Structures are given as structure tokens and as C-alpha cells.
Amino acid sequence: MKTSAVKWLIGLNVAVFLLQGMAPAFFEVNFALWPLQPLDGEVLFRPWQVLSYAFLHGAVVHILFNMWGLWLFGNEIEHYLGARRFCTLYFASVLTAAATQLFAPA
């Protein structure tokens, strides 16, 4: 069974996690999903964060469980949908979660 998209996504997540470990503050400020309103007078939100936040992980256990879930469920879904439609579903889910985080009342 071909799982190219799942393997690519896992590899990208692990690569970003390793880079994040080298400069955690830089990645948090620039790539985590920040609220639209200013924090302490400074707007930290940037448009690319609606995608980039999905590749950040807080700890080894966090990325391990996320990638395990992606492997378990993603393989089957990619096999059923195909790589292109799987990636469309994956990134549509990322954008939907970002919109929910940004616009749902706290």
C-alpha cells in the first residue's frame, strides 16, 4: 500500500519539531497561531500561522501521539481517497481548526 502523503507529512512534522527544538521562542512567536487581537499592545498574528501552527508540537509525547494517529488513520484514509484528496482533507481540517480557534468565543 502506497502511503506517500502520510510519510511526507510525518517527515515534515518531525523536521519542523527538530528545528523548533533549536529555536523554540522563534518558532512560537512566528509560527504558532496567535489571537487576532493585540497582546500587550502587540499584534502577533500573521496570516501564515493558520497553516504553520499545525506543524508545531509542545513536547516529544505530543508529536509521538500525533504522528502515531496520523500513521494509523492517515494510511487508511489516504488509501481510500488517494494522496491528493487526502492532502486536501488534511489541510482543510487544519484551516477549519484555525478558524474555530480564531473566531469561536473563549
PDB file of N, CA and C in Angstrom:
ATOM      1  N   MET A   1       0.844  -1.180   0.000  1.00  0.00           N
ATOM      2  CA  MET A   1       0.000   0.000   0.000  1.00  0.00           C
ATOM      3  C   MET A   1       0.892   1.247   0.000  1.00  0.00           C
ATOM      4  N   LYS A   2       0.630   2.158  -0.907  1.00  0.00           N
ATOM      5  CA  LYS A   2       1.409   3.383  -1.029  1.00  0.00           C
ATOM      6  C   LYS A   2       0.897   4.423  -0.037  1.00  0.00           C
ATOM      7  N   THR A   3       1.792   5.000   0.732  1.00  0.00           N
ATOM      8  CA  THR A   3       1.399   5.998   1.736  1.00  0.00           C
ATOM      9  C   THR A   3       2.272   7.235   1.620  1.00  0.00           C
ATOM     10  N   SER A   4       2.476   7.691   0.432  1.00  0.00           N
ATOM     11  CA  SER A   4       3.423   8.781   0.228  1.00  0.00           C
ATOM     12  C   SER A   4       3.038  10.063   0.963  1.00  0.00           C
ATOM     13  N   ALA A   5       1.783  10.454   0.946  1.00  0.00           N
ATOM     14  CA  ALA A   5       1.378  11.706   1.597  1.00  0.00           C
ATOM     15  C   ALA A   5       1.531  11.606   3.112  1.00  0.00           C
ATOM     16  N   VAL A   6       1.156  10.501   3.688  1.00  0.00           N
ATOM     17  CA  VAL A   6       1.275  10.325   5.135  1.00  0.00           C
ATOM     18  C   VAL A   6       2.744  10.348   5.542  1.00  0.00           C
ATOM     19  N   LYS A   7       3.583   9.634   4.835  1.00  0.00           N
ATOM     20  CA  LYS A   7       5.016   9.628   5.150  1.00  0.00           C
ATOM     21  C   LYS A   7       5.606  11.024   4.998  1.00  0.00           C
ATOM     22  N   TRP A   8       5.208  11.736   3.958  1.00  0.00           N
ATOM     23  CA  TRP A   8       5.699  13.098   3.736  1.00  0.00           C
ATOM     24  C   TRP A   8       5.275  14.011   4.879  1.00  0.00           C
ATOM     25  N   LEU A   9       4.018  13.928   5.307  1.00  0.00           N
ATOM     26  CA  LEU A   9       3.520  14.766   6.405  1.00  0.00           C
ATOM     27  C   LEU A   9       4.218  14.435   7.724  1.00  0.00           C
ATOM     28  N   ILE A  10       4.434  13.156   7.984  1.00  0.00           N
ATOM     29  CA  ILE A  10       5.142  12.771   9.207  1.00  0.00           C
ATOM     30  C   ILE A  10       6.580  13.297   9.165  1.00  0.00           C
ATOM     31  N   GLY A  11       7.239  13.140   8.026  1.00  0.00           N
ATOM     32  CA  GLY A  11       8.597  13.645   7.888  1.00  0.00           C
ATOM     33  C   GLY A  11       8.677  15.151   8.071  1.00  0.00           C
ATOM     34  N   LEU A  12       7.721  15.875   7.495  1.00  0.00           N
ATOM     35  CA  LEU A  12       7.691  17.330   7.635  1.00  0.00           C
ATOM     36  C   LEU A  12       7.454  17.736   9.085  1.00  0.00           C
ATOM     37  N   ASN A  13       6.528  17.056   9.764  1.00  0.00           N
ATOM     38  CA  ASN A  13       6.263  17.346  11.172  1.00  0.00           C
ATOM     39  C   ASN A  13       7.494  17.090  12.036  1.00  0.00           C
ATOM     40  N   VAL A  14       8.175  15.991  11.804  1.00  0.00           N
ATOM     41  CA  VAL A  14       9.373  15.666  12.589  1.00  0.00           C
ATOM     42  C   VAL A  14      10.484  16.675  12.304  1.00  0.00           C
ATOM     43  N   ALA A  15      10.670  17.047  11.048  1.00  0.00           N
ATOM     44  CA  ALA A  15      11.699  18.034  10.698  1.00  0.00           C
ATOM     45  C   ALA A  15      11.425  19.371  11.386  1.00  0.00           C
ATOM     46  N   VAL A  16      10.173  19.820  11.339  1.00  0.00           N
ATOM     47  CA  VAL A  16       9.830  21.086  11.987  1.00  0.00           C
ATOM     48  C   VAL A  16      10.015  20.971  13.501  1.00  0.00           C
ATOM     49  N   PHE A  17       9.658  19.832  14.079  1.00  0.00           N
ATOM     50  CA  PHE A  17       9.843  19.634  15.520  1.00  0.00           C
ATOM     51  C   PHE A  17      11.319  19.741  15.904  1.00  0.00           C
ATOM     52  N   LEU A  18      12.191  19.156  15.105  1.00  0.00           N
ATOM     53  CA  LEU A  18      13.625  19.229  15.386  1.00  0.00           C
ATOM     54  C   LEU A  18      14.129  20.666  15.259  1.00  0.00           C
ATOM     55  N   LEU A  19      13.685  21.378  14.238  1.00  0.00           N
ATOM     56  CA  LEU A  19      14.058  22.790  14.090  1.00  0.00           C
ATOM     57  C   LEU A  19      13.500  23.622  15.236  1.00  0.00           C
ATOM     58  N   GLN A  20      12.284  23.331  15.626  1.00  0.00           N
ATOM     59  CA  GLN A  20      11.636  24.039  16.734  1.00  0.00           C
ATOM     60  C   GLN A  20      12.441  23.866  18.023  1.00  0.00           C
ATOM     61  N   GLY A  21      13.014  22.703  18.207  1.00  0.00           N
ATOM     62  CA  GLY A  21      13.821  22.448  19.398  1.00  0.00           C
ATOM     63  C   GLY A  21      15.080  23.301  19.458  1.00  0.00           C
ATOM     64  N   MET A  22      15.566  23.742  18.291  1.00  0.00           N
ATOM     65  CA  MET A  22      16.770  24.572  18.246  1.00  0.00           C
ATOM     66  C   MET A  22      16.477  26.038  18.558  1.00  0.00           C
ATOM     67  N   ALA A  23      15.275  26.479  18.260  1.00  0.00           N
ATOM     68  CA  ALA A  23      14.921  27.890  18.490  1.00  0.00           C
ATOM     69  C   ALA A  23      13.444  27.986  18.883  1.00  0.00           C
ATOM     70  N   PRO A  24      13.076  27.449  20.056  1.00  0.00           N
ATOM     71  CA  PRO A  24      11.658  27.383  20.427  1.00  0.00           C
ATOM     72  C   PRO A  24      10.961  28.734  20.471  1.00  0.00           C
ATOM     73  N   ALA A  25      11.606  29.758  21.000  1.00  0.00           N
ATOM     74  CA  ALA A  25      10.960  31.074  21.096  1.00  0.00           C
ATOM     75  C   ALA A  25      10.682  31.640  19.710  1.00  0.00           C
ATOM     76  N   PHE A  26      11.627  31.502  18.803  1.00  0.00           N
ATOM     77  CA  PHE A  26      11.444  31.986  17.432  1.00  0.00           C
ATOM     78  C   PHE A  26      10.237  31.318  16.773  1.00  0.00           C
ATOM     79  N   PHE A  27      10.147  29.997  16.901  1.00  0.00           N
ATOM     80  CA  PHE A  27       9.042  29.272  16.273  1.00  0.00           C
ATOM     81  C   PHE A  27       7.712  29.615  16.933  1.00  0.00           C
ATOM     82  N   GLU A  28       7.708  29.756  18.250  1.00  0.00           N
ATOM     83  CA  GLU A  28       6.464  30.079  18.952  1.00  0.00           C
ATOM     84  C   GLU A  28       5.936  31.445  18.532  1.00  0.00           C
ATOM     85  N   VAL A  29       6.805  32.441  18.507  1.00  0.00           N
ATOM     86  CA  VAL A  29       6.371  33.804  18.170  1.00  0.00           C
ATOM     87  C   VAL A  29       5.937  33.904  16.712  1.00  0.00           C
ATOM     88  N   ASN A  30       6.661  33.264  15.817  1.00  0.00           N
ATOM     89  CA  ASN A  30       6.412  33.455  14.390  1.00  0.00           C
ATOM     90  C   ASN A  30       5.478  32.441  13.745  1.00  0.00           C
ATOM     91  N   PHE A  31       5.343  31.249  14.309  1.00  0.00           N
ATOM     92  CA  PHE A  31       4.600  30.205  13.614  1.00  0.00           C
ATOM     93  C   PHE A  31       3.432  29.603  14.396  1.00  0.00           C
ATOM     94  N   ALA A  32       3.346  29.853  15.699  1.00  0.00           N
ATOM     95  CA  ALA A  32       2.183  29.394  16.462  1.00  0.00           C
ATOM     96  C   ALA A  32       0.981  30.260  16.079  1.00  0.00           C
ATOM     97  N   LEU A  33      -0.207  29.775  16.322  1.00  0.00           N
ATOM     98  CA  LEU A  33      -1.423  30.524  15.986  1.00  0.00           C
ATOM     99  C   LEU A  33      -1.762  31.469  17.125  1.00  0.00           C
ATOM    100  N   TRP A  34      -1.609  32.756  16.875  1.00  0.00           N
ATOM    101  CA  TRP A  34      -1.871  33.780  17.876  1.00  0.00           C
ATOM    102  C   TRP A  34      -3.235  34.408  17.634  1.00  0.00           C
ATOM    103  N   PRO A  35      -3.866  34.934  18.681  1.00  0.00           N
ATOM    104  CA  PRO A  35      -5.170  35.593  18.524  1.00  0.00           C
ATOM    105  C   PRO A  35      -5.076  36.804  17.593  1.00  0.00           C
ATOM    106  N   LEU A  36      -6.211  37.164  17.030  1.00  0.00           N
ATOM    107  CA  LEU A  36      -6.261  38.311  16.121  1.00  0.00           C
ATOM    108  C   LEU A  36      -6.057  39.639  16.855  1.00  0.00           C
ATOM    109  N   GLN A  37      -6.480  39.706  18.111  1.00  0.00           N
ATOM    110  CA  GLN A  37      -6.361  40.955  18.871  1.00  0.00           C
ATOM    111  C   GLN A  37      -4.955  41.084  19.471  1.00  0.00           C
ATOM    112  N   PRO A  38      -4.545  42.317  19.725  1.00  0.00           N
ATOM    113  CA  PRO A  38      -3.202  42.550  20.282  1.00  0.00           C
ATOM    114  C   PRO A  38      -3.042  41.948  21.677  1.00  0.00           C
ATOM    115  N   LEU A  39      -1.856  41.469  21.959  1.00  0.00           N
ATOM    116  CA  LEU A  39      -1.473  41.010  23.295  1.00  0.00           C
ATOM    117  C   LEU A  39      -0.421  41.973  23.812  1.00  0.00           C
ATOM    118  N   ASP A  40      -0.704  42.625  24.920  1.00  0.00           N
ATOM    119  CA  ASP A  40       0.214  43.621  25.476  1.00  0.00           C
ATOM    120  C   ASP A  40       0.582  44.694  24.444  1.00  0.00           C
ATOM    121  N   GLY A  41      -0.411  45.079  23.640  1.00  0.00           N
ATOM    122  CA  GLY A  41      -0.206  46.132  22.661  1.00  0.00           C
ATOM    123  C   GLY A  41       0.469  45.690  21.375  1.00  0.00           C
ATOM    124  N   GLU A  42       0.810  44.412  21.252  1.00  0.00           N
ATOM    125  CA  GLU A  42       1.496  43.923  20.057  1.00  0.00           C
ATOM    126  C   GLU A  42       0.649  42.853  19.368  1.00  0.00           C
ATOM    127  N   VAL A  43       0.478  42.999  18.075  1.00  0.00           N
ATOM    128  CA  VAL A  43      -0.244  42.003  17.296  1.00  0.00           C
ATOM    129  C   VAL A  43       0.749  40.931  16.872  1.00  0.00           C
ATOM    130  N   LEU A  44       0.539  39.713  17.334  1.00  0.00           N
ATOM    131  CA  LEU A  44       1.445  38.611  16.999  1.00  0.00           C
ATOM    132  C   LEU A  44       0.910  37.746  15.861  1.00  0.00           C
ATOM    133  N   PHE A  45      -0.362  37.921  15.519  1.00  0.00           N
ATOM    134  CA  PHE A  45      -0.954  37.118  14.447  1.00  0.00           C
ATOM    135  C   PHE A  45      -0.355  37.482  13.095  1.00  0.00           C
ATOM    136  N   ARG A  46      -0.034  36.447  12.317  1.00  0.00           N
ATOM    137  CA  ARG A  46       0.410  36.599  10.934  1.00  0.00           C
ATOM    138  C   ARG A  46      -0.390  35.607  10.089  1.00  0.00           C
ATOM    139  N   PRO A  47      -0.718  35.950   8.858  1.00  0.00           N
ATOM    140  CA  PRO A  47      -1.579  35.090   8.034  1.00  0.00           C
ATOM    141  C   PRO A  47      -1.080  33.654   7.861  1.00  0.00           C
ATOM    142  N   TRP A  48       0.224  33.445   7.740  1.00  0.00           N
ATOM    143  CA  TRP A  48       0.748  32.092   7.527  1.00  0.00           C
ATOM    144  C   TRP A  48       0.538  31.175   8.733  1.00  0.00           C
ATOM    145  N   GLN A  49       0.235  31.756   9.877  1.00  0.00           N
ATOM    146  CA  GLN A  49       0.061  30.956  11.084  1.00  0.00           C
ATOM    147  C   GLN A  49      -1.142  30.021  11.008  1.00  0.00           C
ATOM    148  N   VAL A  50      -2.101  30.316  10.126  1.00  0.00           N
ATOM    149  CA  VAL A  50      -3.263  29.425  10.004  1.00  0.00           C
ATOM    150  C   VAL A  50      -2.863  28.079   9.414  1.00  0.00           C
ATOM    151  N   LEU A  51      -1.683  27.969   8.837  1.00  0.00           N
ATOM    152  CA  LEU A  51      -1.136  26.684   8.379  1.00  0.00           C
ATOM    153  C   LEU A  51       0.050  26.226   9.219  1.00  0.00           C
ATOM    154  N   SER A  52       0.932  27.149   9.551  1.00  0.00           N
ATOM    155  CA  SER A  52       2.185  26.760  10.214  1.00  0.00           C
ATOM    156  C   SER A  52       1.972  26.169  11.607  1.00  0.00           C
ATOM    157  N   TYR A  53       0.908  26.605  12.309  1.00  0.00           N
ATOM    158  CA  TYR A  53       0.690  26.099  13.676  1.00  0.00           C
ATOM    159  C   TYR A  53       0.515  24.583  13.695  1.00  0.00           C
ATOM    160  N   ALA A  54       0.020  24.027  12.605  1.00  0.00           N
ATOM    161  CA  ALA A  54      -0.273  22.599  12.552  1.00  0.00           C
ATOM    162  C   ALA A  54       0.987  21.734  12.610  1.00  0.00           C
ATOM    163  N   PHE A  55       2.139  22.335  12.374  1.00  0.00           N
ATOM    164  CA  PHE A  55       3.381  21.579  12.371  1.00  0.00           C
ATOM    165  C   PHE A  55       4.200  21.777  13.636  1.00  0.00           C
ATOM    166  N   LEU A  56       3.656  22.534  14.595  1.00  0.00           N
ATOM    167  CA  LEU A  56       4.344  22.750  15.858  1.00  0.00           C
ATOM    168  C   LEU A  56       3.815  21.786  16.915  1.00  0.00           C
ATOM    169  N   HIS A  57       4.710  21.308  17.756  1.00  0.00           N
ATOM    170  CA  HIS A  57       4.336  20.379  18.824  1.00  0.00           C
ATOM    171  C   HIS A  57       5.045  20.787  20.103  1.00  0.00           C
ATOM    172  N   GLY A  58       4.359  20.606  21.236  1.00  0.00           N
ATOM    173  CA  GLY A  58       4.865  21.091  22.508  1.00  0.00           C
ATOM    174  C   GLY A  58       5.875  20.203  23.201  1.00  0.00           C
ATOM    175  N   ALA A  59       5.897  18.934  22.890  1.00  0.00           N
ATOM    176  CA  ALA A  59       6.796  18.007  23.579  1.00  0.00           C
ATOM    177  C   ALA A  59       6.924  16.730  22.752  1.00  0.00           C
ATOM    178  N   VAL A  60       7.875  15.891  23.121  1.00  0.00           N
ATOM    179  CA  VAL A  60       8.089  14.634  22.407  1.00  0.00           C
ATOM    180  C   VAL A  60       6.831  13.769  22.442  1.00  0.00           C
ATOM    181  N   VAL A  61       6.180  13.685  23.593  1.00  0.00           N
ATOM    182  CA  VAL A  61       4.962  12.870  23.707  1.00  0.00           C
ATOM    183  C   VAL A  61       3.870  13.412  22.789  1.00  0.00           C
ATOM    184  N   HIS A  62       3.773  14.726  22.679  1.00  0.00           N
ATOM    185  CA  HIS A  62       2.778  15.353  21.820  1.00  0.00           C
ATOM    186  C   HIS A  62       2.969  14.925  20.362  1.00  0.00           C
ATOM    187  N   ILE A  63       4.193  15.057  19.857  1.00  0.00           N
ATOM    188  CA  ILE A  63       4.425  14.695  18.456  1.00  0.00           C
ATOM    189  C   ILE A  63       4.309  13.184  18.248  1.00  0.00           C
ATOM    190  N   LEU A  64       4.759  12.388  19.226  1.00  0.00           N
ATOM    191  CA  LEU A  64       4.658  10.931  19.075  1.00  0.00           C
ATOM    192  C   LEU A  64       3.211  10.477  18.926  1.00  0.00           C
ATOM    193  N   PHE A  65       2.338  10.966  19.788  1.00  0.00           N
ATOM    194  CA  PHE A  65       0.930  10.555  19.693  1.00  0.00           C
ATOM    195  C   PHE A  65       0.260  11.118  18.442  1.00  0.00           C
ATOM    196  N   ASN A  66       0.589  12.364  18.075  1.00  0.00           N
ATOM    197  CA  ASN A  66       0.015  12.927  16.854  1.00  0.00           C
ATOM    198  C   ASN A  66       0.450  12.148  15.615  1.00  0.00           C
ATOM    199  N   MET A  67       1.722  11.818  15.522  1.00  0.00           N
ATOM    200  CA  MET A  67       2.221  11.104  14.349  1.00  0.00           C
ATOM    201  C   MET A  67       1.754   9.656  14.342  1.00  0.00           C
ATOM    202  N   TRP A  68       1.593   9.075  15.504  1.00  0.00           N
ATOM    203  CA  TRP A  68       1.043   7.720  15.580  1.00  0.00           C
ATOM    204  C   TRP A  68      -0.392   7.720  15.056  1.00  0.00           C
ATOM    205  N   GLY A  69      -1.184   8.698  15.476  1.00  0.00           N
ATOM    206  CA  GLY A  69      -2.559   8.823  14.987  1.00  0.00           C
ATOM    207  C   GLY A  69      -2.599   9.081  13.492  1.00  0.00           C
ATOM    208  N   LEU A  70      -1.705   9.936  12.999  1.00  0.00           N
ATOM    209  CA  LEU A  70      -1.644  10.202  11.560  1.00  0.00           C
ATOM    210  C   LEU A  70      -1.295   8.930  10.803  1.00  0.00           C
ATOM    211  N   TRP A  71      -0.364   8.158  11.340  1.00  0.00           N
ATOM    212  CA  TRP A  71       0.022   6.899  10.691  1.00  0.00           C
ATOM    213  C   TRP A  71      -1.143   5.894  10.693  1.00  0.00           C
ATOM    214  N   LEU A  72      -1.772   5.721  11.863  1.00  0.00           N
ATOM    215  CA  LEU A  72      -2.850   4.732  11.984  1.00  0.00           C
ATOM    216  C   LEU A  72      -4.043   5.065  11.089  1.00  0.00           C
ATOM    217  N   PHE A  73      -4.529   6.292  11.201  1.00  0.00           N
ATOM    218  CA  PHE A  73      -5.737   6.668  10.483  1.00  0.00           C
ATOM    219  C   PHE A  73      -5.438   7.216   9.089  1.00  0.00           C
ATOM    220  N   GLY A  74      -4.340   7.955   8.972  1.00  0.00           N
ATOM    221  CA  GLY A  74      -3.997   8.566   7.693  1.00  0.00           C
ATOM    222  C   GLY A  74      -3.725   7.563   6.599  1.00  0.00           C
ATOM    223  N   ASN A  75      -3.058   6.473   6.928  1.00  0.00           N
ATOM    224  CA  ASN A  75      -2.792   5.443   5.916  1.00  0.00           C
ATOM    225  C   ASN A  75      -4.078   4.919   5.294  1.00  0.00           C
ATOM    226  N   GLU A  76      -5.037   4.609   6.128  1.00  0.00           N
ATOM    227  CA  GLU A  76      -6.306   4.074   5.630  1.00  0.00           C
ATOM    228  C   GLU A  76      -7.081   5.113   4.829  1.00  0.00           C
ATOM    229  N   ILE A  77      -7.103   6.328   5.326  1.00  0.00           N
ATOM    230  CA  ILE A  77      -7.840   7.383   4.628  1.00  0.00           C
ATOM    231  C   ILE A  77      -7.162   7.714   3.300  1.00  0.00           C
ATOM    232  N   GLU A  78      -5.832   7.784   3.293  1.00  0.00           N
ATOM    233  CA  GLU A  78      -5.123   8.043   2.036  1.00  0.00           C
ATOM    234  C   GLU A  78      -5.335   6.907   1.047  1.00  0.00           C
ATOM    235  N   HIS A  79      -5.321   5.687   1.538  1.00  0.00           N
ATOM    236  CA  HIS A  79      -5.560   4.540   0.662  1.00  0.00           C
ATOM    237  C   HIS A  79      -6.946   4.638   0.013  1.00  0.00           C
ATOM    238  N   TYR A  80      -7.929   5.071   0.776  1.00  0.00           N
ATOM    239  CA  TYR A  80      -9.308   5.188   0.282  1.00  0.00           C
ATOM    240  C   TYR A  80      -9.477   6.389  -0.649  1.00  0.00           C
ATOM    241  N   LEU A  81      -8.932   7.551  -0.269  1.00  0.00           N
ATOM    242  CA  LEU A  81      -9.149   8.783  -1.025  1.00  0.00           C
ATOM    243  C   LEU A  81      -8.114   9.042  -2.114  1.00  0.00           C
ATOM    244  N   GLY A  82      -6.910   8.533  -1.920  1.00  0.00           N
ATOM    245  CA  GLY A  82      -5.795   8.897  -2.784  1.00  0.00           C
ATOM    246  C   GLY A  82      -5.022  10.042  -2.143  1.00  0.00           C
ATOM    247  N   ALA A  83      -3.779  10.202  -2.548  1.00  0.00           N
ATOM    248  CA  ALA A  83      -2.898  11.173  -1.909  1.00  0.00           C
ATOM    249  C   ALA A  83      -3.395  12.612  -2.072  1.00  0.00           C
ATOM    250  N   ARG A  84      -3.824  12.980  -3.253  1.00  0.00           N
ATOM    251  CA  ARG A  84      -4.242  14.366  -3.495  1.00  0.00           C
ATOM    252  C   ARG A  84      -5.465  14.738  -2.662  1.00  0.00           C
ATOM    253  N   ARG A  85      -6.471  13.891  -2.663  1.00  0.00           N
ATOM    254  CA  ARG A  85      -7.685  14.192  -1.886  1.00  0.00           C
ATOM    255  C   ARG A  85      -7.417  14.097  -0.387  1.00  0.00           C
ATOM    256  N   PHE A  86      -6.524  13.200   0.017  1.00  0.00           N
ATOM    257  CA  PHE A  86      -6.155  13.118   1.429  1.00  0.00           C
ATOM    258  C   PHE A  86      -5.503  14.420   1.887  1.00  0.00           C
ATOM    259  N   CYS A  87      -4.571  14.948   1.094  1.00  0.00           N
ATOM    260  CA  CYS A  87      -3.917  16.212   1.455  1.00  0.00           C
ATOM    261  C   CYS A  87      -4.917  17.359   1.487  1.00  0.00           C
ATOM    262  N   THR A  88      -5.874  17.352   0.559  1.00  0.00           N
ATOM    263  CA  THR A  88      -6.922  18.371   0.577  1.00  0.00           C
ATOM    264  C   THR A  88      -7.717  18.284   1.870  1.00  0.00           C
ATOM    265  N   LEU A  89      -8.087  17.086   2.279  1.00  0.00           N
ATOM    266  CA  LEU A  89      -8.808  16.884   3.534  1.00  0.00           C
ATOM    267  C   LEU A  89      -7.966  17.311   4.728  1.00  0.00           C
ATOM    268  N   TYR A  90      -6.712  16.944   4.733  1.00  0.00           N
ATOM    269  CA  TYR A  90      -5.803  17.274   5.838  1.00  0.00           C
ATOM    270  C   TYR A  90      -5.714  18.786   6.019  1.00  0.00           C
ATOM    271  N   PHE A  91      -5.422  19.495   4.941  1.00  0.00           N
ATOM    272  CA  PHE A  91      -5.241  20.946   5.065  1.00  0.00           C
ATOM    273  C   PHE A  91      -6.560  21.685   5.244  1.00  0.00           C
ATOM    274  N   ALA A  92      -7.648  21.147   4.735  1.00  0.00           N
ATOM    275  CA  ALA A  92      -8.964  21.736   5.027  1.00  0.00           C
ATOM    276  C   ALA A  92      -9.266  21.602   6.519  1.00  0.00           C
ATOM    277  N   SER A  93      -8.877  20.500   7.109  1.00  0.00           N
ATOM    278  CA  SER A  93      -9.060  20.297   8.549  1.00  0.00           C
ATOM    279  C   SER A  93      -8.195  21.267   9.350  1.00  0.00           C
ATOM    280  N   VAL A  94      -6.967  21.487   8.900  1.00  0.00           N
ATOM    281  CA  VAL A  94      -6.072  22.438   9.565  1.00  0.00           C
ATOM    282  C   VAL A  94      -6.671  23.843   9.533  1.00  0.00           C
ATOM    283  N   LEU A  95      -7.169  24.259   8.373  1.00  0.00           N
ATOM    284  CA  LEU A  95      -7.758  25.595   8.231  1.00  0.00           C
ATOM    285  C   LEU A  95      -9.046  25.735   9.034  1.00  0.00           C
ATOM    286  N   THR A  96      -9.862  24.684   9.065  1.00  0.00           N
ATOM    287  CA  THR A  96     -11.102  24.715   9.847  1.00  0.00           C
ATOM    288  C   THR A  96     -10.793  24.824  11.340  1.00  0.00           C
ATOM    289  N   ALA A  97      -9.805  24.086  11.806  1.00  0.00           N
ATOM    290  CA  ALA A  97      -9.418  24.167  13.221  1.00  0.00           C
ATOM    291  C   ALA A  97      -8.881  25.558  13.550  1.00  0.00           C
ATOM    292  N   ALA A  98      -8.107  26.152  12.650  1.00  0.00           N
ATOM    293  CA  ALA A  98      -7.577  27.500  12.879  1.00  0.00           C
ATOM    294  C   ALA A  98      -8.711  28.519  12.950  1.00  0.00           C
ATOM    295  N   ALA A  99      -9.670  28.419  12.035  1.00  0.00           N
ATOM    296  CA  ALA A  99     -10.809  29.341  12.039  1.00  0.00           C
ATOM    297  C   ALA A  99     -11.618  29.196  13.325  1.00  0.00           C
ATOM    298  N   THR A 100     -11.800  27.976  13.762  1.00  0.00           N
ATOM    299  CA  THR A 100     -12.524  27.745  15.015  1.00  0.00           C
ATOM    300  C   THR A 100     -11.785  28.365  16.184  1.00  0.00           C
ATOM    301  N   GLN A 101     -10.487  28.184  16.217  1.00  0.00           N
ATOM    302  CA  GLN A 101      -9.670  28.750  17.298  1.00  0.00           C
ATOM    303  C   GLN A 101      -9.707  30.278  17.280  1.00  0.00           C
ATOM    304  N   LEU A 102      -9.663  30.849  16.102  1.00  0.00           N
ATOM    305  CA  LEU A 102      -9.616  32.315  15.993  1.00  0.00           C
ATOM    306  C   LEU A 102     -10.968  32.990  16.235  1.00  0.00           C
ATOM    307  N   PHE A 103     -12.055  32.338  15.827  1.00  0.00           N
ATOM    308  CA  PHE A 103     -13.353  33.017  15.836  1.00  0.00           C
ATOM    309  C   PHE A 103     -14.355  32.508  16.848  1.00  0.00           C
ATOM    310  N   ALA A 104     -14.108  31.354  17.449  1.00  0.00           N
ATOM    311  CA  ALA A 104     -15.035  30.854  18.472  1.00  0.00           C
ATOM    312  C   ALA A 104     -14.810  31.615  19.776  1.00  0.00           C
ATOM    313  N   PRO A 105     -15.886  31.960  20.449  1.00  0.00           N
ATOM    314  CA  PRO A 105     -15.706  32.675  21.729  1.00  0.00           C
ATOM    315  C   PRO A 105     -15.007  31.786  22.753  1.00  0.00           C
ATOM    316  N   ALA A 106     -14.184  32.401  23.549  1.00  0.00           N
ATOM    317  CA  ALA A 106     -13.414  31.649  24.554  1.00  0.00           C
ATOM    318  C   ALA A 106     -14.262  31.299  25.750  1.00  0.00           C
TER     319      ALA A 106
END
